[in-house]
Amino acid sequence: MDNRKLPGRYASLSEQYPEFAQAVEAMGSTAKELGPLGEKTAQLIQLAAAASIRSEGAVHSHTRPALAAGASPAEIHHALLLLVSTIGFPSVMAALSWADDILDPS
């Protein structure tokens, strides 16, 4: 993976522990290849999981590939809004703001 496209902390970890980073990437790739879900759906699921653990960095990190996989900003917002009955309104609002850091960086 091209380190220029990775978040700084992950790029640093990848440089310091390349074998570890490769193993993590291989595990994620293998999990995606095992099933019938398409890339866009898989990325939206990972984005929802990131929001569920209230990880700003993970929401940033999963918004980018969701966009690259063809998810529109409206689909990203909808995936997060669907979580309101599961993770609560404040958590969804936080996740939306973190996704918007990527979707509308101005």
Protein backbone atom coordinates (compact mmCIF):
# COMPACT_ATOMS: atom_id res chain seq x y z
CA MET A 1 0.00 0.00 0.00
CA ASP A 2 1.22 3.51 -0.82
CA ASN A 3 2.21 5.20 2.47
CA ARG A 4 1.39 8.65 1.06
CA LYS A 5 -2.30 7.70 1.15
CA LEU A 6 -2.21 6.27 4.67
CA PRO A 7 -2.92 8.21 7.86
CA GLY A 8 0.37 9.38 9.34
CA ARG A 9 0.29 7.15 12.41
CA TYR A 10 -0.38 4.02 10.34
CA ALA A 11 2.30 4.97 7.82
CA SER A 12 4.76 5.35 10.68
CA LEU A 13 3.78 1.98 12.15
CA SER A 14 4.13 0.39 8.70
CA GLU A 15 7.65 1.73 8.35
CA GLN A 16 8.66 0.65 11.85
CA TYR A 17 7.00 -2.80 11.72
CA PRO A 18 6.50 -3.69 8.04
CA GLU A 19 5.81 -7.39 8.65
CA PHE A 20 3.12 -6.55 11.19
CA ALA A 21 1.45 -4.04 8.85
CA GLN A 22 1.52 -6.56 5.99
CA ALA A 23 -0.09 -9.20 8.21
CA VAL A 24 -2.87 -6.80 9.26
CA GLU A 25 -3.52 -5.85 5.63
CA ALA A 26 -3.51 -9.51 4.54
CA MET A 27 -6.02 -10.39 7.26
CA GLY A 28 -8.38 -7.63 6.12
CA SER A 29 -8.03 -8.60 2.46
CA THR A 30 -8.65 -12.26 3.24
CA ALA A 31 -11.80 -11.45 5.22
CA LYS A 32 -13.17 -9.39 2.31
CA GLU A 33 -12.41 -12.12 -0.23
CA LEU A 34 -14.20 -14.82 1.79
CA GLY A 35 -17.72 -13.57 1.23
CA PRO A 36 -20.20 -12.27 -1.26
CA LEU A 37 -20.29 -8.62 -0.14
CA GLY A 38 -18.96 -6.06 -2.57
CA GLU A 39 -16.22 -3.58 -1.72
CA LYS A 40 -18.58 -0.63 -1.18
CA THR A 41 -20.77 -2.60 1.23
CA ALA A 42 -17.72 -3.92 3.07
CA GLN A 43 -16.34 -0.40 3.47
CA LEU A 44 -19.65 0.95 4.78
CA ILE A 45 -19.80 -1.89 7.32
CA GLN A 46 -16.28 -1.09 8.48
CA LEU A 47 -17.21 2.60 8.70
CA ALA A 48 -20.22 1.71 10.87
CA ALA A 49 -18.02 -0.40 13.13
CA ALA A 50 -15.56 2.48 13.46
CA ALA A 51 -18.40 4.78 14.46
CA SER A 52 -19.67 2.21 16.94
CA ILE A 53 -16.38 2.22 18.84
CA ARG A 54 -16.29 6.04 18.71
CA SER A 55 -12.92 6.11 16.97
CA GLU A 56 -12.40 9.38 15.13
CA GLY A 57 -9.28 8.08 13.41
CA ALA A 58 -11.00 4.90 12.27
CA VAL A 59 -13.98 6.86 10.91
CA HIS A 60 -11.54 9.03 8.95
CA SER A 61 -9.67 5.93 7.78
CA HIS A 62 -12.84 4.13 6.64
CA THR A 63 -14.52 7.13 5.03
CA ARG A 64 -11.72 7.42 2.46
CA PRO A 65 -11.93 3.85 1.11
CA ALA A 66 -15.74 3.97 1.21
CA LEU A 67 -15.56 6.92 -1.16
CA ALA A 68 -12.95 5.15 -3.29
CA ALA A 69 -15.22 2.09 -3.48
CA GLY A 70 -18.01 4.24 -4.93
CA ALA A 71 -20.02 5.24 -1.87
CA SER A 72 -21.53 8.69 -2.22
CA PRO A 73 -21.49 11.19 0.65
CA ALA A 74 -25.25 10.56 1.01
CA GLU A 75 -24.64 6.80 1.36
CA ILE A 76 -21.93 7.41 3.95
CA HIS A 77 -24.23 9.70 5.92
CA HIS A 78 -27.07 7.18 5.65
CA ALA A 79 -24.86 4.31 6.87
CA LEU A 80 -24.05 6.38 9.94
CA LEU A 81 -27.62 7.59 10.51
CA LEU A 82 -28.79 3.97 10.55
CA LEU A 83 -26.79 3.50 13.74
CA VAL A 84 -28.83 5.93 15.84
CA SER A 85 -30.98 3.26 17.50
CA THR A 86 -27.91 1.13 18.17
CA ILE A 87 -25.19 3.55 19.32
CA GLY A 88 -27.25 6.65 20.15
CA PHE A 89 -27.71 10.12 18.76
CA PRO A 90 -24.56 11.71 20.28
CA SER A 91 -22.33 8.97 18.89
CA VAL A 92 -23.90 9.27 15.44
CA MET A 93 -23.48 13.05 15.48
CA ALA A 94 -19.80 12.63 16.38
CA ALA A 95 -19.31 10.08 13.60
CA LEU A 96 -21.03 12.33 11.06
CA SER A 97 -18.74 15.20 12.01
CA TRP A 98 -15.67 12.94 11.63
CA ALA A 99 -16.86 11.65 8.24
CA ASP A 100 -17.46 15.25 7.17
CA ASP A 101 -13.82 16.05 8.00
CA ILE A 102 -13.08 13.88 4.95
CA LEU A 103 -16.17 14.57 2.84
CA ASP A 104 -16.03 18.36 3.21
CA PRO A 105 -12.56 19.33 4.42
CA SER A 106 -13.11 23.08 3.90
